[in-house]
Each structure stands twice: as structure tokens, then as C-alpha cells.
Amino acid sequence: MARVEVDRDRCEGHGRCEMSAPEIYRLDDDGELEILLSEVGPDQRPGAEAGVLACPVAALRLSP
């Protein structure tokens, strides 16, 4: 299992992570990021990684 983490001070709510993996990331009505799956297994890891890479402000991290 890997852990998805967000740096709330850096997150600007671009939504690129949500577009990459809506099963893991979601912006709420106020534009705040919600992590739907904070712990991801091997099946969800590619989506979690895609969201991390899509973030233009490097606010997401995936910890082993």
C-alpha cells in the first residue's frame, strides 16, 4: 500500500489530478481537494501516480 498526501498550502485546486484519476482525487464545491483513497494498492497506484505527475504546483506526494 502507498499513501497519497496533499500539501494544502501548495494546492491551488487546478483539478488536473481529478481529471487523471477521479476515483482517487476530487475537488469539492469550494475547489478544495479531497483524497478519496488515501491508501492505494497496486491496482490504484498508476492513477495515484498520474495525479501526482499532473499537479502543476507539486502539491501531491505518493509515499511508499
C-alpha atoms as a PDB file:
ATOM      1  CA  MET A   1       0.000   0.000   0.000  1.00  0.00           C
ATOM      2  CA  ALA A   2       1.109   3.528  -0.783  1.00  0.00           C
ATOM      3  CA  ARG A   3      -0.158   6.691   0.856  1.00  0.00           C
ATOM      4  CA  VAL A   4      -1.409   9.706  -1.109  1.00  0.00           C
ATOM      5  CA  GLU A   5      -0.688  13.043   0.592  1.00  0.00           C
ATOM      6  CA  VAL A   6      -1.528  16.624  -0.324  1.00  0.00           C
ATOM      7  CA  ASP A   7       0.294  19.777   0.752  1.00  0.00           C
ATOM      8  CA  ARG A   8      -2.733  22.010   1.346  1.00  0.00           C
ATOM      9  CA  ASP A   9      -0.568  25.137   1.391  1.00  0.00           C
ATOM     10  CA  ARG A  10       0.569  24.418  -2.175  1.00  0.00           C
ATOM     11  CA  CYS A  11      -2.643  23.036  -3.671  1.00  0.00           C
ATOM     12  CA  GLU A  12      -4.357  25.616  -5.889  1.00  0.00           C
ATOM     13  CA  GLY A  13      -7.306  23.460  -6.995  1.00  0.00           C
ATOM     14  CA  HIS A  14      -6.381  23.144 -10.661  1.00  0.00           C
ATOM     15  CA  GLY A  15      -8.210  19.804 -10.881  1.00  0.00           C
ATOM     16  CA  ARG A  16      -5.668  18.081 -13.095  1.00  0.00           C
ATOM     17  CA  CYS A  17      -5.280  15.290 -10.560  1.00  0.00           C
ATOM     18  CA  GLU A  18      -9.044  14.749 -10.588  1.00  0.00           C
ATOM     19  CA  MET A  19      -9.029  14.532 -14.392  1.00  0.00           C
ATOM     20  CA  SER A  20      -6.207  11.975 -14.197  1.00  0.00           C
ATOM     21  CA  ALA A  21      -7.752   9.757 -11.529  1.00  0.00           C
ATOM     22  CA  PRO A  22     -11.295  10.689 -10.417  1.00  0.00           C
ATOM     23  CA  GLU A  23     -11.504   7.521  -8.342  1.00  0.00           C
ATOM     24  CA  ILE A  24      -8.743   8.917  -6.086  1.00  0.00           C
ATOM     25  CA  TYR A  25      -8.929  12.715  -6.299  1.00  0.00           C
ATOM     26  CA  ARG A  26     -11.929  15.045  -6.219  1.00  0.00           C
ATOM     27  CA  LEU A  27     -12.411  18.776  -5.889  1.00  0.00           C
ATOM     28  CA  ASP A  28     -15.307  19.752  -3.668  1.00  0.00           C
ATOM     29  CA  ASP A  29     -17.711  22.596  -4.438  1.00  0.00           C
ATOM     30  CA  ASP A  30     -15.280  25.099  -2.912  1.00  0.00           C
ATOM     31  CA  GLY A  31     -12.345  23.881  -5.030  1.00  0.00           C
ATOM     32  CA  GLU A  32     -10.679  22.086  -2.127  1.00  0.00           C
ATOM     33  CA  LEU A  33      -9.050  18.768  -2.928  1.00  0.00           C
ATOM     34  CA  GLU A  34     -10.470  15.652  -1.318  1.00  0.00           C
ATOM     35  CA  ILE A  35      -8.414  12.461  -1.346  1.00  0.00           C
ATOM     36  CA  LEU A  36     -10.971   9.697  -1.820  1.00  0.00           C
ATOM     37  CA  LEU A  37      -8.416   6.901  -1.367  1.00  0.00           C
ATOM     38  CA  SER A  38      -5.592   7.938   0.920  1.00  0.00           C
ATOM     39  CA  GLU A  39      -4.128   4.429   0.824  1.00  0.00           C
ATOM     40  CA  VAL A  40      -3.770   2.864  -2.616  1.00  0.00           C
ATOM     41  CA  GLY A  41      -2.896  -0.661  -3.593  1.00  0.00           C
ATOM     42  CA  PRO A  42      -1.155  -1.861  -6.742  1.00  0.00           C
ATOM     43  CA  ASP A  43      -4.322  -1.540  -8.844  1.00  0.00           C
ATOM     44  CA  GLN A  44      -4.858   2.117  -7.928  1.00  0.00           C
ATOM     45  CA  ARG A  45      -1.191   3.137  -7.895  1.00  0.00           C
ATOM     46  CA  PRO A  46      -0.998   4.100 -11.608  1.00  0.00           C
ATOM     47  CA  GLY A  47      -3.899   6.535 -11.157  1.00  0.00           C
ATOM     48  CA  ALA A  48      -2.396   7.972  -7.992  1.00  0.00           C
ATOM     49  CA  GLU A  49       0.937   8.466  -9.778  1.00  0.00           C
ATOM     50  CA  ALA A  50      -0.798  10.091 -12.760  1.00  0.00           C
ATOM     51  CA  GLY A  51      -2.427  12.597 -10.401  1.00  0.00           C
ATOM     52  CA  VAL A  52       0.892  13.382  -8.722  1.00  0.00           C
ATOM     53  CA  LEU A  53       2.554  13.968 -12.082  1.00  0.00           C
ATOM     54  CA  ALA A  54      -0.346  16.097 -13.369  1.00  0.00           C
ATOM     55  CA  CYS A  55      -0.209  18.551 -10.465  1.00  0.00           C
ATOM     56  CA  PRO A  56       1.312  21.804 -11.794  1.00  0.00           C
ATOM     57  CA  VAL A  57       2.329  23.007  -8.322  1.00  0.00           C
ATOM     58  CA  ALA A  58       3.712  19.708  -6.977  1.00  0.00           C
ATOM     59  CA  ALA A  59       1.211  19.613  -4.118  1.00  0.00           C
ATOM     60  CA  LEU A  60       0.748  15.834  -4.198  1.00  0.00           C
ATOM     61  CA  ARG A  61       3.036  13.090  -2.991  1.00  0.00           C
ATOM     62  CA  LEU A  62       2.880   9.335  -3.038  1.00  0.00           C
ATOM     63  CA  SER A  63       4.731   7.665  -0.167  1.00  0.00           C
ATOM     64  CA  PRO A  64       5.726   4.031  -0.431  1.00  0.00           C
END
